[in-house]
C-alpha atoms as a PDB file:
ATOM      1  CA  MET A   1     126.229 164.518  67.036  1.00  0.00           C
ATOM      2  CA  ASP A   2     129.788 164.673  65.710  1.00  0.00           C
ATOM      3  CA  LEU A   3     131.105 161.218  66.594  1.00  0.00           C
ATOM      4  CA  ASN A   4     134.765 162.210  66.092  1.00  0.00           C
ATOM      5  CA  THR A   5     135.764 158.798  64.813  1.00  0.00           C
ATOM      6  CA  ARG A   6     139.337 159.710  63.888  1.00  0.00           C
ATOM      7  CA  THR A   7     141.022 158.151  66.918  1.00  0.00           C
ATOM      8  CA  PRO A   8     140.651 154.478  67.920  1.00  0.00           C
ATOM      9  CA  ARG A   9     139.017 154.150  71.322  1.00  0.00           C
ATOM     10  CA  THR A  10     139.635 151.754  74.183  1.00  0.00           C
ATOM     11  CA  VAL A  11     136.936 151.044  76.744  1.00  0.00           C
ATOM     12  CA  GLU A  12     137.380 148.880  79.828  1.00  0.00           C
ATOM     13  CA  PHE A  13     134.245 147.052  80.909  1.00  0.00           C
ATOM     14  CA  VAL A  14     134.208 145.596  84.422  1.00  0.00           C
ATOM     15  CA  LEU A  15     131.384 143.068  84.707  1.00  0.00           C
ATOM     16  CA  ASP A  16     130.093 139.824  86.074  1.00  0.00           C
ATOM     17  CA  LEU A  17     128.184 137.422  83.878  1.00  0.00           C
ATOM     18  CA  ILE A  18     125.425 136.731  86.415  1.00  0.00           C
ATOM     19  CA  CYS A  19     124.737 140.436  86.992  1.00  0.00           C
ATOM     20  CA  VAL A  20     121.571 141.654  85.255  1.00  0.00           C
ATOM     21  CA  HIS A  21     122.753 145.262  85.382  1.00  0.00           C
ATOM     22  CA  SER A  22     125.970 144.235  83.634  1.00  0.00           C
ATOM     23  CA  TYR A  23     123.852 142.557  80.941  1.00  0.00           C
ATOM     24  CA  ILE A  24     121.723 145.663  80.409  1.00  0.00           C
ATOM     25  CA  ALA A  25     124.754 147.974  80.364  1.00  0.00           C
ATOM     26  CA  PHE A  26     126.586 145.678  77.949  1.00  0.00           C
ATOM     27  CA  THR A  27     123.583 145.595  75.620  1.00  0.00           C
ATOM     28  CA  ARG A  28     123.227 149.366  75.586  1.00  0.00           C
ATOM     29  CA  PHE A  29     126.954 149.971  75.219  1.00  0.00           C
ATOM     30  CA  SER A  30     127.143 147.421  72.381  1.00  0.00           C
ATOM     31  CA  ARG A  31     124.464 149.331  70.487  1.00  0.00           C
ATOM     32  CA  ALA A  32     126.322 152.603  71.016  1.00  0.00           C
ATOM     33  CA  ALA A  33     129.555 150.988  69.867  1.00  0.00           C
ATOM     34  CA  ALA A  34     127.798 149.648  66.750  1.00  0.00           C
ATOM     35  CA  LEU A  35     126.657 153.164  65.836  1.00  0.00           C
ATOM     36  CA  TYR A  36     130.160 154.488  66.407  1.00  0.00           C
ATOM     37  CA  ARG A  37     131.671 151.743  64.272  1.00  0.00           C
ATOM     38  CA  ASP A  38     129.090 152.284  61.537  1.00  0.00           C
ATOM     39  CA  ALA A  39     130.282 155.887  61.393  1.00  0.00           C
ATOM     40  CA  GLY A  40     133.830 154.657  60.784  1.00  0.00           C
ATOM     41  CA  GLY A  41     135.095 154.547  64.354  1.00  0.00           C
ATOM     42  CA  VAL A  42     137.177 151.853  66.020  1.00  0.00           C
ATOM     43  CA  VAL A  43     136.346 150.657  69.531  1.00  0.00           C
ATOM     44  CA  ASP A  44     138.329 148.057  71.458  1.00  0.00           C
ATOM     45  CA  ILE A  45     136.467 146.647  74.467  1.00  0.00           C
ATOM     46  CA  VAL A  46     138.685 145.226  77.201  1.00  0.00           C
ATOM     47  CA  PHE A  47     136.746 143.005  79.583  1.00  0.00           C
ATOM     48  CA  ARG A  48     137.707 143.113  83.253  1.00  0.00           C
ATOM     49  CA  PRO A  49     136.358 140.394  85.582  1.00  0.00           C
ATOM     50  CA  CYS A  50     134.520 140.801  88.848  1.00  0.00           C
ATOM     51  CA  GLN A  51     132.646 138.167  90.841  1.00  0.00           C
ATOM     52  CA  VAL A  52     129.576 139.250  92.779  1.00  0.00           C
ATOM     53  CA  ALA A  53     129.292 135.771  94.312  1.00  0.00           C
ATOM     54  CA  PRO A  54     132.827 134.322  94.428  1.00  0.00           C
ATOM     55  CA  ASP A  55     131.800 131.626  96.919  1.00  0.00           C
ATOM     56  CA  ALA A  56     128.924 130.286  94.801  1.00  0.00           C
ATOM     57  CA  PRO A  57     129.354 126.614  93.848  1.00  0.00           C
ATOM     58  CA  ALA A  58     130.069 125.781  90.213  1.00  0.00           C
ATOM     59  CA  SER A  59     127.456 123.040  90.471  1.00  0.00           C
ATOM     60  CA  GLY A  60     124.868 125.799  90.642  1.00  0.00           C
ATOM     61  CA  ARG A  61     121.547 126.146  92.432  1.00  0.00           C
ATOM     62  CA  PRO A  62     118.268 127.802  91.437  1.00  0.00           C
ATOM     63  CA  LEU A  63     118.472 131.569  91.815  1.00  0.00           C
ATOM     64  CA  PHE A  64     115.060 131.411  93.458  1.00  0.00           C
ATOM     65  CA  GLU A  65     116.521 129.361  96.317  1.00  0.00           C
ATOM     66  CA  VAL A  66     119.363 131.869  96.761  1.00  0.00           C
ATOM     67  CA  HIS A  67     116.891 134.750  96.924  1.00  0.00           C
ATOM     68  CA  LYS A  68     114.606 132.777  99.267  1.00  0.00           C
ATOM     69  CA  ALA A  69     117.461 132.228 101.717  1.00  0.00           C
ATOM     70  CA  ALA A  70     118.480 135.878 101.538  1.00  0.00           C
ATOM     71  CA  PHE A  71     115.121 137.691 101.387  1.00  0.00           C
ATOM     72  CA  GLY A  72     112.391 135.210 102.295  1.00  0.00           C
ATOM     73  CA  GLU A  73     110.014 133.298 100.067  1.00  0.00           C
ATOM     74  CA  GLN A  74     107.572 136.137  99.363  1.00  0.00           C
ATOM     75  CA  GLN A  75     110.293 138.465  98.080  1.00  0.00           C
ATOM     76  CA  ALA A  76     111.956 135.631  96.166  1.00  0.00           C
ATOM     77  CA  ARG A  77     108.695 134.898  94.344  1.00  0.00           C
ATOM     78  CA  ALA A  78     108.242 138.581  93.538  1.00  0.00           C
ATOM     79  CA  ILE A  79     111.725 138.702  91.991  1.00  0.00           C
ATOM     80  CA  ALA A  80     111.172 135.475  90.061  1.00  0.00           C
ATOM     81  CA  GLN A  81     107.986 136.840  88.536  1.00  0.00           C
ATOM     82  CA  ASP A  82     109.454 140.248  87.645  1.00  0.00           C
ATOM     83  CA  THR A  83     109.818 140.465  83.863  1.00  0.00           C
ATOM     84  CA  SER A  84     110.644 144.174  83.743  1.00  0.00           C
ATOM     85  CA  PHE A  85     114.429 143.864  83.841  1.00  0.00           C
ATOM     86  CA  GLY A  86     115.811 144.429  80.359  1.00  0.00           C
ATOM     87  CA  ALA A  87     112.363 144.564  78.731  1.00  0.00           C
ATOM     88  CA  GLU A  88     112.789 148.075  77.340  1.00  0.00           C
ATOM     89  CA  ASP A  89     116.045 146.933  75.756  1.00  0.00           C
ATOM     90  CA  GLY A  90     114.454 143.918  74.084  1.00  0.00           C
ATOM     91  CA  LEU A  91     115.970 141.438  76.524  1.00  0.00           C
ATOM     92  CA  ARG A  92     114.190 138.512  78.125  1.00  0.00           C
ATOM     93  CA  VAL A  93     115.434 138.052  81.662  1.00  0.00           C
ATOM     94  CA  ASP A  94     114.006 134.969  83.345  1.00  0.00           C
ATOM     95  CA  PHE A  95     114.947 134.959  87.024  1.00  0.00           C
ATOM     96  CA  GLU A  96     112.694 131.962  87.599  1.00  0.00           C
ATOM     97  CA  ARG A  97     114.903 129.762  85.377  1.00  0.00           C
ATOM     98  CA  ALA A  98     118.286 131.266  86.299  1.00  0.00           C
ATOM     99  CA  VAL A  99     120.908 128.974  87.827  1.00  0.00           C
ATOM    100  CA  HIS A 100     123.062 130.858  90.316  1.00  0.00           C
ATOM    101  CA  THR A 101     126.646 129.725  89.909  1.00  0.00           C
ATOM    102  CA  ASN A 102     130.323 130.532  90.230  1.00  0.00           C
ATOM    103  CA  THR A 103     131.515 132.562  87.221  1.00  0.00           C
ATOM    104  CA  PHE A 104     135.263 131.906  87.419  1.00  0.00           C
ATOM    105  CA  GLU A 105     135.329 129.497  84.465  1.00  0.00           C
ATOM    106  CA  ALA A 106     132.922 131.685  82.464  1.00  0.00           C
ATOM    107  CA  HIS A 107     135.303 134.620  82.923  1.00  0.00           C
ATOM    108  CA  ARG A 108     138.157 132.382  81.779  1.00  0.00           C
ATOM    109  CA  LEU A 109     136.217 131.485  78.653  1.00  0.00           C
ATOM    110  CA  LEU A 110     135.475 135.154  78.016  1.00  0.00           C
ATOM    111  CA  ALA A 111     139.194 135.953  78.292  1.00  0.00           C
ATOM    112  CA  THR A 112     139.993 133.134  75.860  1.00  0.00           C
ATOM    113  CA  ALA A 113     137.373 134.398  73.425  1.00  0.00           C
ATOM    114  CA  ALA A 114     138.678 137.961  73.691  1.00  0.00           C
ATOM    115  CA  SER A 115     142.170 136.749  72.821  1.00  0.00           C
ATOM    116  CA  GLN A 116     140.664 135.273  69.630  1.00  0.00           C
ATOM    117  CA  GLY A 117     138.763 138.439  68.711  1.00  0.00           C
ATOM    118  CA  ALA A 118     135.385 137.062  69.808  1.00  0.00           C
ATOM    119  CA  GLY A 119     135.029 138.623  73.245  1.00  0.00           C
ATOM    120  CA  GLU A 120     131.913 140.666  72.540  1.00  0.00           C
ATOM    121  CA  ALA A 121     130.033 137.776  70.953  1.00  0.00           C
ATOM    122  CA  MET A 122     131.054 135.468  73.779  1.00  0.00           C
ATOM    123  CA  ALA A 123     129.983 137.936  76.457  1.00  0.00           C
ATOM    124  CA  GLU A 124     126.558 138.320  74.872  1.00  0.00           C
ATOM    125  CA  ARG A 125     126.095 134.545  74.642  1.00  0.00           C
ATOM    126  CA  LEU A 126     127.161 133.960  78.242  1.00  0.00           C
ATOM    127  CA  PHE A 127     124.798 136.649  79.498  1.00  0.00           C
ATOM    128  CA  ARG A 128     121.933 135.222  77.465  1.00  0.00           C
ATOM    129  CA  ALA A 129     122.717 131.672  78.577  1.00  0.00           C
ATOM    130  CA  TYR A 130     122.387 132.701  82.205  1.00  0.00           C
ATOM    131  CA  MET A 131     119.651 135.329  82.032  1.00  0.00           C
ATOM    132  CA  THR A 132     117.375 133.807  79.407  1.00  0.00           C
ATOM    133  CA  ASP A 133     118.174 130.147  78.779  1.00  0.00           C
ATOM    134  CA  GLY A 134     118.481 128.972  82.381  1.00  0.00           C
ATOM    135  CA  LEU A 135     121.873 127.370  81.739  1.00  0.00           C
ATOM    136  CA  ASN A 136     124.558 126.795  84.351  1.00  0.00           C
ATOM    137  CA  ILE A 137     127.483 128.866  83.062  1.00  0.00           C
ATOM    138  CA  GLY A 138     129.690 127.351  85.754  1.00  0.00           C
ATOM    139  CA  ASP A 139     129.385 123.913  84.164  1.00  0.00           C
ATOM    140  CA  PRO A 140     132.366 122.949  81.935  1.00  0.00           C
ATOM    141  CA  GLY A 141     130.239 121.040  79.436  1.00  0.00           C
ATOM    142  CA  THR A 142     127.877 123.964  79.039  1.00  0.00           C
ATOM    143  CA  LEU A 143     130.811 126.329  78.517  1.00  0.00           C
ATOM    144  CA  ALA A 144     132.263 124.015  75.874  1.00  0.00           C
ATOM    145  CA  ARG A 145     128.990 124.055  73.954  1.00  0.00           C
ATOM    146  CA  LEU A 146     128.710 127.834  74.166  1.00  0.00           C
ATOM    147  CA  ALA A 147     132.309 128.228  72.994  1.00  0.00           C
ATOM    148  CA  ALA A 148     131.545 126.011  69.992  1.00  0.00           C
ATOM    149  CA  GLU A 149     128.474 128.114  69.159  1.00  0.00           C
ATOM    150  CA  ILE A 150     130.602 131.252  68.927  1.00  0.00           C
ATOM    151  CA  GLY A 151     133.508 129.497  67.234  1.00  0.00           C
ATOM    152  CA  VAL A 152     135.946 129.973  70.090  1.00  0.00           C
ATOM    153  CA  GLY A 153     138.729 127.432  70.068  1.00  0.00           C
ATOM    154  CA  VAL A 154     139.286 125.664  73.379  1.00  0.00           C
ATOM    155  CA  GLU A 155     140.706 122.298  74.261  1.00  0.00           C
ATOM    156  CA  VAL A 156     137.892 119.940  75.130  1.00  0.00           C
ATOM    157  CA  GLU A 157     138.217 116.644  76.936  1.00  0.00           C
ATOM    158  CA  VAL A 158     135.269 114.375  76.229  1.00  0.00           C
ATOM    159  CA  GLY A 159     132.950 114.225  79.221  1.00  0.00           C
ATOM    160  CA  VAL A 160     134.760 117.037  81.020  1.00  0.00           C
ATOM    161  CA  GLY A 161     134.219 120.226  79.063  1.00  0.00           C
ATOM    162  CA  VAL A 162     136.379 123.292  78.649  1.00  0.00           C
ATOM    163  CA  GLU A 163     140.026 122.754  79.460  1.00  0.00           C
ATOM    164  CA  GLN A 164     142.110 125.912  79.647  1.00  0.00           C
ATOM    165  CA  SER A 165     145.695 126.508  80.716  1.00  0.00           C
ATOM    166  CA  GLU A 166     146.715 126.865  84.330  1.00  0.00           C
ATOM    167  CA  ASP A 167     148.372 130.104  83.240  1.00  0.00           C
ATOM    168  CA  GLY A 168     144.904 131.336  82.272  1.00  0.00           C
ATOM    169  CA  ALA A 169     143.562 130.487  85.728  1.00  0.00           C
ATOM    170  CA  ALA A 170     146.471 132.232  87.428  1.00  0.00           C
ATOM    171  CA  ALA A 171     146.066 135.298  85.242  1.00  0.00           C
ATOM    172  CA  LEU A 172     142.349 135.481  85.997  1.00  0.00           C
ATOM    173  CA  THR A 173     142.944 135.101  89.733  1.00  0.00           C
ATOM    174  CA  ALA A 174     145.495 137.926  89.589  1.00  0.00           C
ATOM    175  CA  GLU A 175     143.091 140.154  87.661  1.00  0.00           C
ATOM    176  CA  LEU A 176     140.249 139.478  90.105  1.00  0.00           C
ATOM    177  CA  ASP A 177     142.615 140.357  92.946  1.00  0.00           C
ATOM    178  CA  ARG A 178     143.618 143.541  91.130  1.00  0.00           C
ATOM    179  CA  MET A 179     139.997 144.620  90.703  1.00  0.00           C
ATOM    180  CA  ARG A 180     139.356 144.063  94.410  1.00  0.00           C
ATOM    181  CA  GLY A 181     142.552 145.950  95.247  1.00  0.00           C
ATOM    182  CA  LEU A 182     141.237 148.921  93.275  1.00  0.00           C
ATOM    183  CA  GLY A 183     138.167 148.958  95.466  1.00  0.00           C
ATOM    184  CA  ILE A 184     135.775 147.739  92.768  1.00  0.00           C
ATOM    185  CA  THR A 185     133.000 145.986  94.642  1.00  0.00           C
ATOM    186  CA  SER A 186     130.012 146.449  92.325  1.00  0.00           C
ATOM    187  CA  VAL A 187     129.388 146.138  88.612  1.00  0.00           C
ATOM    188  CA  PRO A 188     129.029 147.201  85.902  1.00  0.00           C
ATOM    189  CA  LEU A 189     131.772 149.804  85.697  1.00  0.00           C
ATOM    190  CA  ILE A 190     132.681 151.231  82.290  1.00  0.00           C
ATOM    191  CA  LEU A 191     135.910 153.197  81.919  1.00  0.00           C
ATOM    192  CA  PHE A 192     136.655 155.265  78.825  1.00  0.00           C
ATOM    193  CA  ASP A 193     140.087 156.382  77.647  1.00  0.00           C
ATOM    194  CA  ASN A 194     139.060 160.035  78.067  1.00  0.00           C
ATOM    195  CA  GLY A 195     138.715 159.628  81.828  1.00  0.00           C
ATOM    196  CA  THR A 196     134.937 159.196  81.784  1.00  0.00           C
ATOM    197  CA  ALA A 197     133.604 156.425  84.005  1.00  0.00           C
ATOM    198  CA  PHE A 198     130.079 155.116  84.531  1.00  0.00           C
ATOM    199  CA  SER A 199     128.819 152.744  87.190  1.00  0.00           C
ATOM    200  CA  GLY A 200     125.509 151.012  86.703  1.00  0.00           C
ATOM    201  CA  SER A 201     123.662 150.916  83.397  1.00  0.00           C
ATOM    202  CA  GLN A 202     123.292 154.192  81.476  1.00  0.00           C
ATOM    203  CA  PRO A 203     121.232 155.102  78.399  1.00  0.00           C
ATOM    204  CA  GLU A 204     122.729 154.245  75.021  1.00  0.00           C
ATOM    205  CA  SER A 205     122.993 157.970  74.195  1.00  0.00           C
ATOM    206  CA  VAL A 206     125.243 158.527  77.220  1.00  0.00           C
ATOM    207  CA  TYR A 207     127.672 155.853  76.049  1.00  0.00           C
ATOM    208  CA  LEU A 208     127.653 157.232  72.516  1.00  0.00           C
ATOM    209  CA  LYS A 209     128.438 160.727  73.791  1.00  0.00           C
ATOM    210  CA  ALA A 210     131.364 159.332  75.795  1.00  0.00           C
ATOM    211  CA  LEU A 211     132.669 157.594  72.672  1.00  0.00           C
ATOM    212  CA  ALA A 212     132.365 160.890  70.775  1.00  0.00           C
ATOM    213  CA  THR A 213     134.501 162.689  73.368  1.00  0.00           C
ATOM    214  CA  PRO A 214     138.173 162.500  72.309  1.00  0.00           C
ATOM    215  CA  PRO A 215     140.593 160.505  74.424  1.00  0.00           C
ATOM    216  CA  VAL A 216     143.268 162.268  76.442  1.00  0.00           C
ATOM    217  CA  PRO A 217     146.982 161.424  76.429  1.00  0.00           C
ATOM    218  CA  ALA A 218     147.860 158.689  78.859  1.00  0.00           C
ATOM    219  CA  SER A 219     150.268 161.074  80.606  1.00  0.00           C
ATOM    220  CA  ALA A 220     147.369 163.427  81.358  1.00  0.00           C
ATOM    221  CA  TRP A 221     145.064 160.801  82.829  1.00  0.00           C
ATOM    222  CA  LYS A 222     145.961 158.487  85.637  1.00  0.00           C
ATOM    223  CA  GLY A 223     142.826 156.409  85.995  1.00  0.00           C
ATOM    224  CA  ARG A 224     142.364 154.560  89.235  1.00  0.00           C
ATOM    225  CA  HIS A 225     142.251 151.273  87.325  1.00  0.00           C
ATOM    226  CA  ARG A 226     145.737 151.702  85.876  1.00  0.00           C
END
């Protein structure tokens, strides 16, 4: 495949950090982007936030209990024991350990990391913390530790955790409102600068083909997310 790496590419990735399909799509897209970059291409990933459970408490509760309340105990146990999600992509998704939580502060940390050039690494670590490690990514102390792992600079108050500017909170709230205003109600959604858009997780080869398709002038494409 001719990857056509002459023009820098911009890809907008709408996701939530407690969404397993977002995790799988991000993993596959990251591998496609790595191949494109290895061939000499430039890809800028712009993360867009979405919350699938905006009313979830930051204190967190076992995902099993959330599923039990929604689907009944038998179905909740079946989900908890399902190890198939992400397996073909080398991921270990442990629904039995997952702590369902509010992702507002995790999205704020991701935005902070992206502003420091570490967005992709931070996204991967946040996904893995939730899906694999059973960590509460709504907890400020946990977020502070994850930020330190990646080398993301945040202000930390001892015993409190990640402290970020009120401007950052306002900006995130505005962006979440904008995503809702665009009618985006499910994730993942991946938007390429050539007008291609994918919802749900796609094979790595599909993402690579989209990266290989040249972008179009902004005047010729009025994406719904603009």
